[in-house]
């Protein structure tokens, strides 16, 4: 745990909080005995991260419209962003997984690593308060924003929804139409259907990524 604390730049008063943040439900279920997993911490960390991101966006871009702020926050706190944070920390090596999850490639799963980042944020918050959690978030997740670099707008689902709802139409509908590959390395295909019947598809390593790629394909179709 000490090596991870050094990477985080934070030393826990309660080491149990950090351990819980790294404990996947598969590990807790296999051990039994009331061992806590990181799901509740993940829930709390998600809210803290969203709040701190919104606060910093408002400070950095005082004239930015509300819709653009929403898109920017979504990009900063999305699974892909949190996975990059996990990769930089080497977080996968510290996660406690059950045997089956380990055998199925869970340690490399983007969603599991991203969830652990949120859980660690909550653990820091519970250990010493919002100021410490905010410092961790600003240094590890919002560093590009705070340095003045504005992330690229890549929330294709939001862009597509705004485009179709501009005409008073209903929101696009998404469905996962195909899954392929082994459990530890699946590829998903998502289909988006627009109110006028236009259909587009996209693929990704997670369901969310596949939906984003489907939305991107639909946007490109609308421009042509």
C-alpha atoms as a PDB file:
ATOM      1  CA  UNK A   1       0.000   0.000   0.000  1.00  0.00           C
ATOM      2  CA  UNK A   2       2.894   2.375   0.696  1.00  0.00           C
ATOM      3  CA  UNK A   3       4.020   2.340  -2.935  1.00  0.00           C
ATOM      4  CA  UNK A   4       0.518   3.306  -4.079  1.00  0.00           C
ATOM      5  CA  UNK A   5       0.338   6.056  -1.465  1.00  0.00           C
ATOM      6  CA  UNK A   6       3.557   7.503  -2.864  1.00  0.00           C
ATOM      7  CA  UNK A   7       2.071   7.514  -6.361  1.00  0.00           C
ATOM      8  CA  UNK A   8      -1.070   9.191  -5.045  1.00  0.00           C
ATOM      9  CA  UNK A   9       0.925  11.710  -3.054  1.00  0.00           C
ATOM     10  CA  UNK A  10      -1.273  10.971  -0.063  1.00  0.00           C
ATOM     11  CA  UNK A  11      -0.751   8.904   3.098  1.00  0.00           C
ATOM     12  CA  UNK A  12      -3.876   7.356   4.601  1.00  0.00           C
ATOM     13  CA  UNK A  13      -4.560   7.600   8.307  1.00  0.00           C
ATOM     14  CA  UNK A  14      -6.905   4.623   7.882  1.00  0.00           C
ATOM     15  CA  UNK A  15      -5.249   1.997   5.681  1.00  0.00           C
ATOM     16  CA  UNK A  16      -8.498   0.007   5.774  1.00  0.00           C
ATOM     17  CA  UNK A  17     -10.187   2.717   3.717  1.00  0.00           C
ATOM     18  CA  UNK A  18      -7.617   2.326   0.957  1.00  0.00           C
ATOM     19  CA  UNK A  19      -7.928  -1.450   1.083  1.00  0.00           C
ATOM     20  CA  UNK A  20     -11.710  -1.213   0.755  1.00  0.00           C
ATOM     21  CA  UNK A  21     -11.323   1.162  -2.206  1.00  0.00           C
ATOM     22  CA  UNK A  22      -9.261  -1.508  -3.965  1.00  0.00           C
ATOM     23  CA  UNK A  23     -11.534  -4.448  -3.096  1.00  0.00           C
ATOM     24  CA  UNK A  24     -13.701  -5.627  -5.994  1.00  0.00           C
ATOM     25  CA  UNK A  25     -17.025  -7.261  -5.186  1.00  0.00           C
ATOM     26  CA  UNK A  26     -15.772 -10.603  -6.573  1.00  0.00           C
ATOM     27  CA  UNK A  27     -13.017 -10.687  -3.943  1.00  0.00           C
ATOM     28  CA  UNK A  28     -15.366  -9.713  -1.106  1.00  0.00           C
ATOM     29  CA  UNK A  29     -17.942 -12.314  -2.168  1.00  0.00           C
ATOM     30  CA  UNK A  30     -15.357 -15.090  -2.258  1.00  0.00           C
ATOM     31  CA  UNK A  31     -14.001 -14.213   1.191  1.00  0.00           C
ATOM     32  CA  UNK A  32     -17.372 -13.654   2.868  1.00  0.00           C
ATOM     33  CA  UNK A  33     -17.401 -12.715   6.522  1.00  0.00           C
ATOM     34  CA  UNK A  34     -18.843  -9.270   5.897  1.00  0.00           C
ATOM     35  CA  UNK A  35     -15.801  -8.004   3.965  1.00  0.00           C
ATOM     36  CA  UNK A  36     -16.668  -4.697   2.312  1.00  0.00           C
ATOM     37  CA  UNK A  37     -16.142  -4.052  -1.401  1.00  0.00           C
ATOM     38  CA  UNK A  38     -15.606  -0.714  -3.107  1.00  0.00           C
ATOM     39  CA  UNK A  39     -19.087  -0.235  -4.611  1.00  0.00           C
ATOM     40  CA  UNK A  40     -20.320   2.250  -2.004  1.00  0.00           C
ATOM     41  CA  UNK A  41     -17.061   4.203  -2.176  1.00  0.00           C
ATOM     42  CA  UNK A  42     -17.335   4.246  -5.975  1.00  0.00           C
ATOM     43  CA  UNK A  43     -20.816   5.781  -5.669  1.00  0.00           C
ATOM     44  CA  UNK A  44     -19.547   8.498  -3.332  1.00  0.00           C
ATOM     45  CA  UNK A  45     -16.402   9.143  -5.357  1.00  0.00           C
ATOM     46  CA  UNK A  46     -18.417   9.644  -8.535  1.00  0.00           C
ATOM     47  CA  UNK A  47     -20.411  12.441  -6.873  1.00  0.00           C
ATOM     48  CA  UNK A  48     -17.313  14.104  -5.415  1.00  0.00           C
ATOM     49  CA  UNK A  49     -15.523  13.966  -8.755  1.00  0.00           C
ATOM     50  CA  UNK A  50     -18.504  15.493 -10.577  1.00  0.00           C
ATOM     51  CA  UNK A  51     -18.740  18.324  -8.054  1.00  0.00           C
ATOM     52  CA  UNK A  52     -15.016  19.164  -8.145  1.00  0.00           C
ATOM     53  CA  UNK A  53     -14.947  19.026 -11.949  1.00  0.00           C
ATOM     54  CA  UNK A  54     -17.964  21.362 -12.195  1.00  0.00           C
ATOM     55  CA  UNK A  55     -16.434  23.774  -9.676  1.00  0.00           C
ATOM     56  CA  UNK A  56     -13.175  23.981 -11.617  1.00  0.00           C
ATOM     57  CA  UNK A  57     -14.899  24.369 -14.982  1.00  0.00           C
ATOM     58  CA  UNK A  58     -16.937  27.300 -13.639  1.00  0.00           C
ATOM     59  CA  UNK A  59     -13.770  28.958 -12.359  1.00  0.00           C
ATOM     60  CA  UNK A  60     -11.672  28.326 -15.460  1.00  0.00           C
ATOM     61  CA  UNK A  61     -14.331  29.209 -18.059  1.00  0.00           C
ATOM     62  CA  UNK A  62     -16.629  31.883 -16.554  1.00  0.00           C
ATOM     63  CA  UNK A  63     -18.300  32.634 -19.898  1.00  0.00           C
ATOM     64  CA  UNK A  64     -18.866  29.058 -21.062  1.00  0.00           C
ATOM     65  CA  UNK A  65     -22.546  28.160 -21.762  1.00  0.00           C
ATOM     66  CA  UNK A  66     -24.184  25.578 -19.514  1.00  0.00           C
ATOM     67  CA  UNK A  67     -24.471  22.978 -22.270  1.00  0.00           C
ATOM     68  CA  UNK A  68     -20.775  23.212 -23.098  1.00  0.00           C
ATOM     69  CA  UNK A  69     -19.881  22.944 -19.402  1.00  0.00           C
ATOM     70  CA  UNK A  70     -21.940  19.775 -19.169  1.00  0.00           C
ATOM     71  CA  UNK A  71     -20.119  18.230 -22.117  1.00  0.00           C
ATOM     72  CA  UNK A  72     -16.720  19.215 -20.750  1.00  0.00           C
ATOM     73  CA  UNK A  73     -17.471  17.760 -17.329  1.00  0.00           C
ATOM     74  CA  UNK A  74     -18.698  14.532 -18.929  1.00  0.00           C
ATOM     75  CA  UNK A  75     -15.424  14.179 -20.835  1.00  0.00           C
ATOM     76  CA  UNK A  76     -13.274  14.870 -17.782  1.00  0.00           C
ATOM     77  CA  UNK A  77     -15.021  12.286 -15.589  1.00  0.00           C
ATOM     78  CA  UNK A  78     -15.812   9.609 -18.198  1.00  0.00           C
ATOM     79  CA  UNK A  79     -14.577   6.018 -17.952  1.00  0.00           C
ATOM     80  CA  UNK A  80     -11.848   6.584 -20.530  1.00  0.00           C
ATOM     81  CA  UNK A  81     -10.440   9.523 -18.560  1.00  0.00           C
ATOM     82  CA  UNK A  82     -10.480   7.585 -15.289  1.00  0.00           C
ATOM     83  CA  UNK A  83      -8.898   4.557 -16.955  1.00  0.00           C
ATOM     84  CA  UNK A  84      -5.986   6.736 -18.092  1.00  0.00           C
ATOM     85  CA  UNK A  85      -5.567   7.880 -14.489  1.00  0.00           C
ATOM     86  CA  UNK A  86      -5.552   4.245 -13.343  1.00  0.00           C
ATOM     87  CA  UNK A  87      -2.948   3.401 -15.971  1.00  0.00           C
ATOM     88  CA  UNK A  88      -0.705   6.251 -14.871  1.00  0.00           C
ATOM     89  CA  UNK A  89      -0.911   5.056 -11.278  1.00  0.00           C
ATOM     90  CA  UNK A  90      -0.417   1.403 -12.179  1.00  0.00           C
ATOM     91  CA  UNK A  91      -3.602   0.831 -10.192  1.00  0.00           C
ATOM     92  CA  UNK A  92      -4.379  -2.566 -11.732  1.00  0.00           C
ATOM     93  CA  UNK A  93      -1.578  -4.193  -9.732  1.00  0.00           C
ATOM     94  CA  UNK A  94      -3.200  -3.209  -6.437  1.00  0.00           C
ATOM     95  CA  UNK A  95      -6.811  -4.263  -7.066  1.00  0.00           C
ATOM     96  CA  UNK A  96      -8.106  -7.203  -5.018  1.00  0.00           C
ATOM     97  CA  UNK A  97     -10.036  -9.534  -7.350  1.00  0.00           C
ATOM     98  CA  UNK A  98     -11.788 -12.864  -6.931  1.00  0.00           C
ATOM     99  CA  UNK A  99     -10.246 -15.870  -8.649  1.00  0.00           C
ATOM    100  CA  UNK A 100     -12.881 -16.132 -11.378  1.00  0.00           C
ATOM    101  CA  UNK A 101     -12.717 -12.418 -12.170  1.00  0.00           C
ATOM    102  CA  UNK A 102      -8.931 -12.626 -12.270  1.00  0.00           C
ATOM    103  CA  UNK A 103      -9.022 -15.583 -14.662  1.00  0.00           C
ATOM    104  CA  UNK A 104     -11.482 -13.764 -16.915  1.00  0.00           C
ATOM    105  CA  UNK A 105      -9.162 -10.792 -17.354  1.00  0.00           C
ATOM    106  CA  UNK A 106     -10.858  -8.505 -14.849  1.00  0.00           C
ATOM    107  CA  UNK A 107      -7.591  -6.858 -13.847  1.00  0.00           C
ATOM    108  CA  UNK A 108      -7.306  -5.290 -17.294  1.00  0.00           C
ATOM    109  CA  UNK A 109     -10.973  -4.325 -17.567  1.00  0.00           C
ATOM    110  CA  UNK A 110     -11.307  -0.578 -18.068  1.00  0.00           C
ATOM    111  CA  UNK A 111     -14.494  -0.276 -16.024  1.00  0.00           C
ATOM    112  CA  UNK A 112     -12.997  -2.008 -12.970  1.00  0.00           C
ATOM    113  CA  UNK A 113      -9.943   0.241 -12.978  1.00  0.00           C
ATOM    114  CA  UNK A 114     -12.036   3.375 -13.508  1.00  0.00           C
ATOM    115  CA  UNK A 115     -14.345   2.391 -10.646  1.00  0.00           C
ATOM    116  CA  UNK A 116     -11.325   1.985  -8.367  1.00  0.00           C
ATOM    117  CA  UNK A 117     -10.204   5.526  -9.151  1.00  0.00           C
ATOM    118  CA  UNK A 118     -13.587   6.833  -7.983  1.00  0.00           C
ATOM    119  CA  UNK A 119     -13.415   4.638  -4.877  1.00  0.00           C
ATOM    120  CA  UNK A 120      -9.944   5.945  -4.016  1.00  0.00           C
ATOM    121  CA  UNK A 121     -11.230   9.520  -4.312  1.00  0.00           C
ATOM    122  CA  UNK A 122     -14.001   8.709  -1.817  1.00  0.00           C
ATOM    123  CA  UNK A 123     -11.522   6.983   0.495  1.00  0.00           C
ATOM    124  CA  UNK A 124      -9.347  10.111   0.597  1.00  0.00           C
ATOM    125  CA  UNK A 125     -12.440  12.223   1.271  1.00  0.00           C
ATOM    126  CA  UNK A 126     -13.542  10.036   4.189  1.00  0.00           C
ATOM    127  CA  UNK A 127      -9.991   9.846   5.521  1.00  0.00           C
ATOM    128  CA  UNK A 128      -9.299  13.585   5.698  1.00  0.00           C
ATOM    129  CA  UNK A 129     -12.003  15.640   4.015  1.00  0.00           C
ATOM    130  CA  UNK A 130     -12.891  17.411   0.806  1.00  0.00           C
ATOM    131  CA  UNK A 131      -9.736  19.517   0.523  1.00  0.00           C
ATOM    132  CA  UNK A 132      -7.493  16.451   0.245  1.00  0.00           C
ATOM    133  CA  UNK A 133      -9.845  14.739  -2.224  1.00  0.00           C
ATOM    134  CA  UNK A 134     -10.046  17.912  -4.286  1.00  0.00           C
ATOM    135  CA  UNK A 135      -6.260  18.179  -4.424  1.00  0.00           C
ATOM    136  CA  UNK A 136      -5.997  14.575  -5.655  1.00  0.00           C
ATOM    137  CA  UNK A 137      -8.637  15.169  -8.334  1.00  0.00           C
ATOM    138  CA  UNK A 138      -7.028  18.403  -9.524  1.00  0.00           C
ATOM    139  CA  UNK A 139      -3.563  16.857  -9.759  1.00  0.00           C
ATOM    140  CA  UNK A 140      -4.542  13.518 -11.277  1.00  0.00           C
ATOM    141  CA  UNK A 141      -7.670  14.147 -13.349  1.00  0.00           C
ATOM    142  CA  UNK A 142      -8.093  17.861 -14.019  1.00  0.00           C
ATOM    143  CA  UNK A 143      -4.439  18.766 -14.584  1.00  0.00           C
ATOM    144  CA  UNK A 144      -4.930  19.514 -18.306  1.00  0.00           C
ATOM    145  CA  UNK A 145      -7.913  21.746 -17.550  1.00  0.00           C
ATOM    146  CA  UNK A 146      -6.094  23.648 -14.804  1.00  0.00           C
ATOM    147  CA  UNK A 147      -3.073  24.219 -17.035  1.00  0.00           C
ATOM    148  CA  UNK A 148      -5.341  26.052 -19.463  1.00  0.00           C
ATOM    149  CA  UNK A 149      -5.732  23.226 -21.979  1.00  0.00           C
ATOM    150  CA  UNK A 150      -9.352  22.714 -22.978  1.00  0.00           C
ATOM    151  CA  UNK A 151     -10.145  19.043 -23.731  1.00  0.00           C
ATOM    152  CA  UNK A 152     -11.507  18.137 -27.115  1.00  0.00           C
ATOM    153  CA  UNK A 153     -15.247  17.799 -27.375  1.00  0.00           C
ATOM    154  CA  UNK A 154     -15.827  14.097 -27.866  1.00  0.00           C
ATOM    155  CA  UNK A 155     -19.171  13.401 -26.184  1.00  0.00           C
ATOM    156  CA  UNK A 156     -20.846  12.303 -29.398  1.00  0.00           C
ATOM    157  CA  UNK A 157     -24.020  11.084 -27.682  1.00  0.00           C
ATOM    158  CA  UNK A 158     -24.708  14.525 -26.229  1.00  0.00           C
ATOM    159  CA  UNK A 159     -23.940  16.203 -29.555  1.00  0.00           C
ATOM    160  CA  UNK A 160     -26.340  13.883 -31.367  1.00  0.00           C
ATOM    161  CA  UNK A 161     -29.084  14.364 -28.794  1.00  0.00           C
ATOM    162  CA  UNK A 162     -28.804  18.139 -29.044  1.00  0.00           C
ATOM    163  CA  UNK A 163     -28.945  17.942 -32.817  1.00  0.00           C
ATOM    164  CA  UNK A 164     -32.141  15.872 -33.001  1.00  0.00           C
ATOM    165  CA  UNK A 165     -33.884  17.623 -30.112  1.00  0.00           C
ATOM    166  CA  UNK A 166     -33.263  20.998 -31.724  1.00  0.00           C
ATOM    167  CA  UNK A 167     -36.207  20.141 -33.981  1.00  0.00           C
ATOM    168  CA  UNK A 168     -38.351  18.940 -31.110  1.00  0.00           C
ATOM    169  CA  UNK A 169     -37.728  15.253 -31.867  1.00  0.00           C
ATOM    170  CA  UNK A 170     -37.372  12.534 -29.254  1.00  0.00           C
ATOM    171  CA  UNK A 171     -33.949  11.453 -28.018  1.00  0.00           C
ATOM    172  CA  UNK A 172     -32.040   8.826 -30.043  1.00  0.00           C
ATOM    173  CA  UNK A 173     -32.452   5.199 -28.958  1.00  0.00           C
ATOM    174  CA  UNK A 174     -29.496   2.872 -28.311  1.00  0.00           C
ATOM    175  CA  UNK A 175     -29.221  -0.905 -28.147  1.00  0.00           C
ATOM    176  CA  UNK A 176     -26.351  -3.388 -28.012  1.00  0.00           C
ATOM    177  CA  UNK A 177     -26.846  -5.663 -31.017  1.00  0.00           C
ATOM    178  CA  UNK A 178     -23.742  -7.847 -30.832  1.00  0.00           C
ATOM    179  CA  UNK A 179     -21.063  -9.055 -28.414  1.00  0.00           C
ATOM    180  CA  UNK A 180     -17.988 -10.921 -29.606  1.00  0.00           C
ATOM    181  CA  UNK A 181     -14.709 -12.196 -28.181  1.00  0.00           C
ATOM    182  CA  UNK A 182     -13.780 -13.849 -24.862  1.00  0.00           C
ATOM    183  CA  UNK A 183     -15.054 -12.431 -21.564  1.00  0.00           C
ATOM    184  CA  UNK A 184     -11.777 -10.664 -20.813  1.00  0.00           C
ATOM    185  CA  UNK A 185     -11.568  -9.004 -24.244  1.00  0.00           C
ATOM    186  CA  UNK A 186     -15.089  -8.437 -25.549  1.00  0.00           C
ATOM    187  CA  UNK A 187     -16.072  -6.176 -28.418  1.00  0.00           C
ATOM    188  CA  UNK A 188     -19.550  -4.630 -28.404  1.00  0.00           C
ATOM    189  CA  UNK A 189     -21.586  -3.319 -31.317  1.00  0.00           C
ATOM    190  CA  UNK A 190     -24.195  -0.660 -30.578  1.00  0.00           C
ATOM    191  CA  UNK A 191     -26.973   0.592 -32.833  1.00  0.00           C
ATOM    192  CA  UNK A 192     -28.516   4.044 -32.587  1.00  0.00           C
ATOM    193  CA  UNK A 193     -31.914   4.797 -34.106  1.00  0.00           C
ATOM    194  CA  UNK A 194     -33.015   8.363 -34.792  1.00  0.00           C
ATOM    195  CA  UNK A 195     -36.606   9.642 -34.816  1.00  0.00           C
ATOM    196  CA  UNK A 196     -36.598   9.797 -38.631  1.00  0.00           C
ATOM    197  CA  UNK A 197     -35.567   6.138 -38.806  1.00  0.00           C
ATOM    198  CA  UNK A 198     -31.894   6.661 -39.628  1.00  0.00           C
ATOM    199  CA  UNK A 199     -29.754   3.890 -38.130  1.00  0.00           C
ATOM    200  CA  UNK A 200     -26.019   3.878 -37.448  1.00  0.00           C
ATOM    201  CA  UNK A 201     -23.713   1.418 -35.690  1.00  0.00           C
ATOM    202  CA  UNK A 202     -20.414   1.575 -33.841  1.00  0.00           C
ATOM    203  CA  UNK A 203     -18.103  -0.797 -31.992  1.00  0.00           C
ATOM    204  CA  UNK A 204     -16.029  -0.495 -28.824  1.00  0.00           C
ATOM    205  CA  UNK A 205     -14.432  -2.416 -25.970  1.00  0.00           C
ATOM    206  CA  UNK A 206     -17.222  -1.319 -23.612  1.00  0.00           C
ATOM    207  CA  UNK A 207     -20.935  -0.777 -24.159  1.00  0.00           C
ATOM    208  CA  UNK A 208     -20.528   2.958 -23.470  1.00  0.00           C
ATOM    209  CA  UNK A 209     -17.726   3.252 -25.999  1.00  0.00           C
ATOM    210  CA  UNK A 210     -19.763   1.385 -28.613  1.00  0.00           C
ATOM    211  CA  UNK A 211     -22.695   3.766 -28.089  1.00  0.00           C
ATOM    212  CA  UNK A 212     -20.379   6.757 -28.469  1.00  0.00           C
ATOM    213  CA  UNK A 213     -19.016   5.350 -31.735  1.00  0.00           C
ATOM    214  CA  UNK A 214     -22.555   4.725 -32.994  1.00  0.00           C
ATOM    215  CA  UNK A 215     -23.466   8.317 -32.167  1.00  0.00           C
ATOM    216  CA  UNK A 216     -20.330   9.515 -33.968  1.00  0.00           C
ATOM    217  CA  UNK A 217     -21.305   7.528 -37.069  1.00  0.00           C
ATOM    218  CA  UNK A 218     -24.813   9.011 -36.939  1.00  0.00           C
ATOM    219  CA  UNK A 219     -23.405  12.530 -36.662  1.00  0.00           C
ATOM    220  CA  UNK A 220     -21.159  11.950 -39.663  1.00  0.00           C
ATOM    221  CA  UNK A 221     -24.162  10.664 -41.587  1.00  0.00           C
ATOM    222  CA  UNK A 222     -26.154  13.775 -40.715  1.00  0.00           C
ATOM    223  CA  UNK A 223     -23.363  15.993 -42.055  1.00  0.00           C
ATOM    224  CA  UNK A 224     -23.183  14.155 -45.395  1.00  0.00           C
END
